[in-house]
Amino acid sequence: MFQRYPTKKKVLYSLIILSFIVMETPLILLANTTEPFVLGMPFFLFWNLLWWFVLTALFLIGYLINWGSKESSETVIDES
């Protein structure tokens, strides 16, 4: 059961789910004020942009390692 997905894919799935949870958690609404500025943006906007970039990077990594295919990227490289 645990060998269904290689370790890279398990880590990728876990990081994506964790990133969605952190980005959409209702606790961030407690910090939804205009006062703490980070890089010239309100904290709420910075928080959402930060996790958006993290998720974009994770999806790019998933694309590059053939995420979702039944074959791992190592077997695809070895065949060519």
Protein backbone atom coordinates (compact mmCIF):
# COMPACT_ATOMS: atom_id res chain seq x y z
CA MET A 1 0.00 0.00 0.00
CA PHE A 2 2.78 2.44 0.84
CA GLN A 3 4.74 1.65 -2.33
CA ARG A 4 2.00 2.96 -4.62
CA TYR A 5 3.64 6.37 -4.99
CA PRO A 6 7.38 6.99 -4.92
CA THR A 7 8.74 9.10 -2.09
CA LYS A 8 9.12 12.22 -4.26
CA LYS A 9 5.45 12.14 -5.17
CA LYS A 10 4.37 11.61 -1.55
CA VAL A 11 6.39 14.62 -0.47
CA LEU A 12 5.02 16.69 -3.36
CA TYR A 13 1.41 15.77 -2.55
CA SER A 14 1.99 16.57 1.12
CA LEU A 15 3.57 19.95 0.39
CA ILE A 16 0.79 20.95 -2.00
CA ILE A 17 -1.94 20.01 0.47
CA LEU A 18 -0.11 21.78 3.30
CA SER A 19 0.33 24.90 1.14
CA PHE A 20 -3.38 25.01 0.30
CA ILE A 21 -4.27 24.64 3.98
CA VAL A 22 -1.85 27.37 5.05
CA MET A 23 -3.02 29.72 2.29
CA GLU A 24 -6.73 29.25 2.94
CA THR A 25 -6.75 28.94 6.73
CA PRO A 26 -9.30 31.17 8.46
CA LEU A 27 -6.70 32.14 11.08
CA ILE A 28 -5.10 34.54 8.60
CA LEU A 29 -8.22 36.70 8.88
CA LEU A 30 -7.04 37.67 12.37
CA ALA A 31 -4.12 39.47 10.70
CA ASN A 32 -6.30 41.17 8.09
CA THR A 33 -5.36 44.72 9.00
CA THR A 34 -3.62 47.42 7.01
CA GLU A 35 -0.91 48.11 9.58
CA PRO A 36 1.80 45.42 9.28
CA PHE A 37 3.43 46.09 5.90
CA VAL A 38 5.76 43.54 4.31
CA LEU A 39 7.62 44.61 1.16
CA GLY A 40 5.27 47.58 0.83
CA MET A 41 2.12 45.43 0.85
CA PRO A 42 -0.41 44.74 3.58
CA PHE A 43 0.34 41.47 5.36
CA PHE A 44 -2.78 39.73 4.02
CA LEU A 45 -1.80 40.44 0.40
CA PHE A 46 1.81 39.42 1.05
CA TRP A 47 0.66 36.15 2.69
CA ASN A 48 -1.54 35.20 -0.27
CA LEU A 49 1.10 36.10 -2.86
CA LEU A 50 3.79 34.21 -0.96
CA TRP A 51 1.77 30.98 -0.90
CA TRP A 52 0.66 31.50 -4.49
CA PHE A 53 4.31 31.57 -5.57
CA VAL A 54 5.08 28.53 -3.39
CA LEU A 55 2.22 26.58 -4.99
CA THR A 56 3.30 27.66 -8.47
CA ALA A 57 6.82 26.40 -7.77
CA LEU A 58 5.46 23.09 -6.43
CA PHE A 59 3.30 22.58 -9.51
CA LEU A 60 6.33 23.33 -11.72
CA ILE A 61 8.36 20.73 -9.82
CA GLY A 62 5.48 18.28 -10.23
CA TYR A 63 5.40 18.92 -13.96
CA LEU A 64 9.15 18.44 -14.30
CA ILE A 65 9.14 15.08 -12.48
CA ASN A 66 6.22 13.71 -14.54
CA TRP A 67 3.76 14.02 -11.70
CA GLY A 68 0.61 12.01 -12.32
CA SER A 69 2.14 9.53 -14.75
CA LYS A 70 2.31 5.87 -13.83
CA GLU A 71 5.97 5.77 -14.80
CA SER A 72 8.52 7.63 -12.75
CA SER A 73 10.75 10.20 -14.40
CA GLU A 74 13.76 7.89 -13.97
CA THR A 75 12.25 5.21 -16.22
CA VAL A 76 11.34 7.78 -18.86
CA ILE A 77 14.93 9.06 -18.92
CA ASP A 78 16.40 5.52 -19.03
CA GLU A 79 14.29 4.50 -22.06
CA SER A 80 15.55 7.27 -24.33
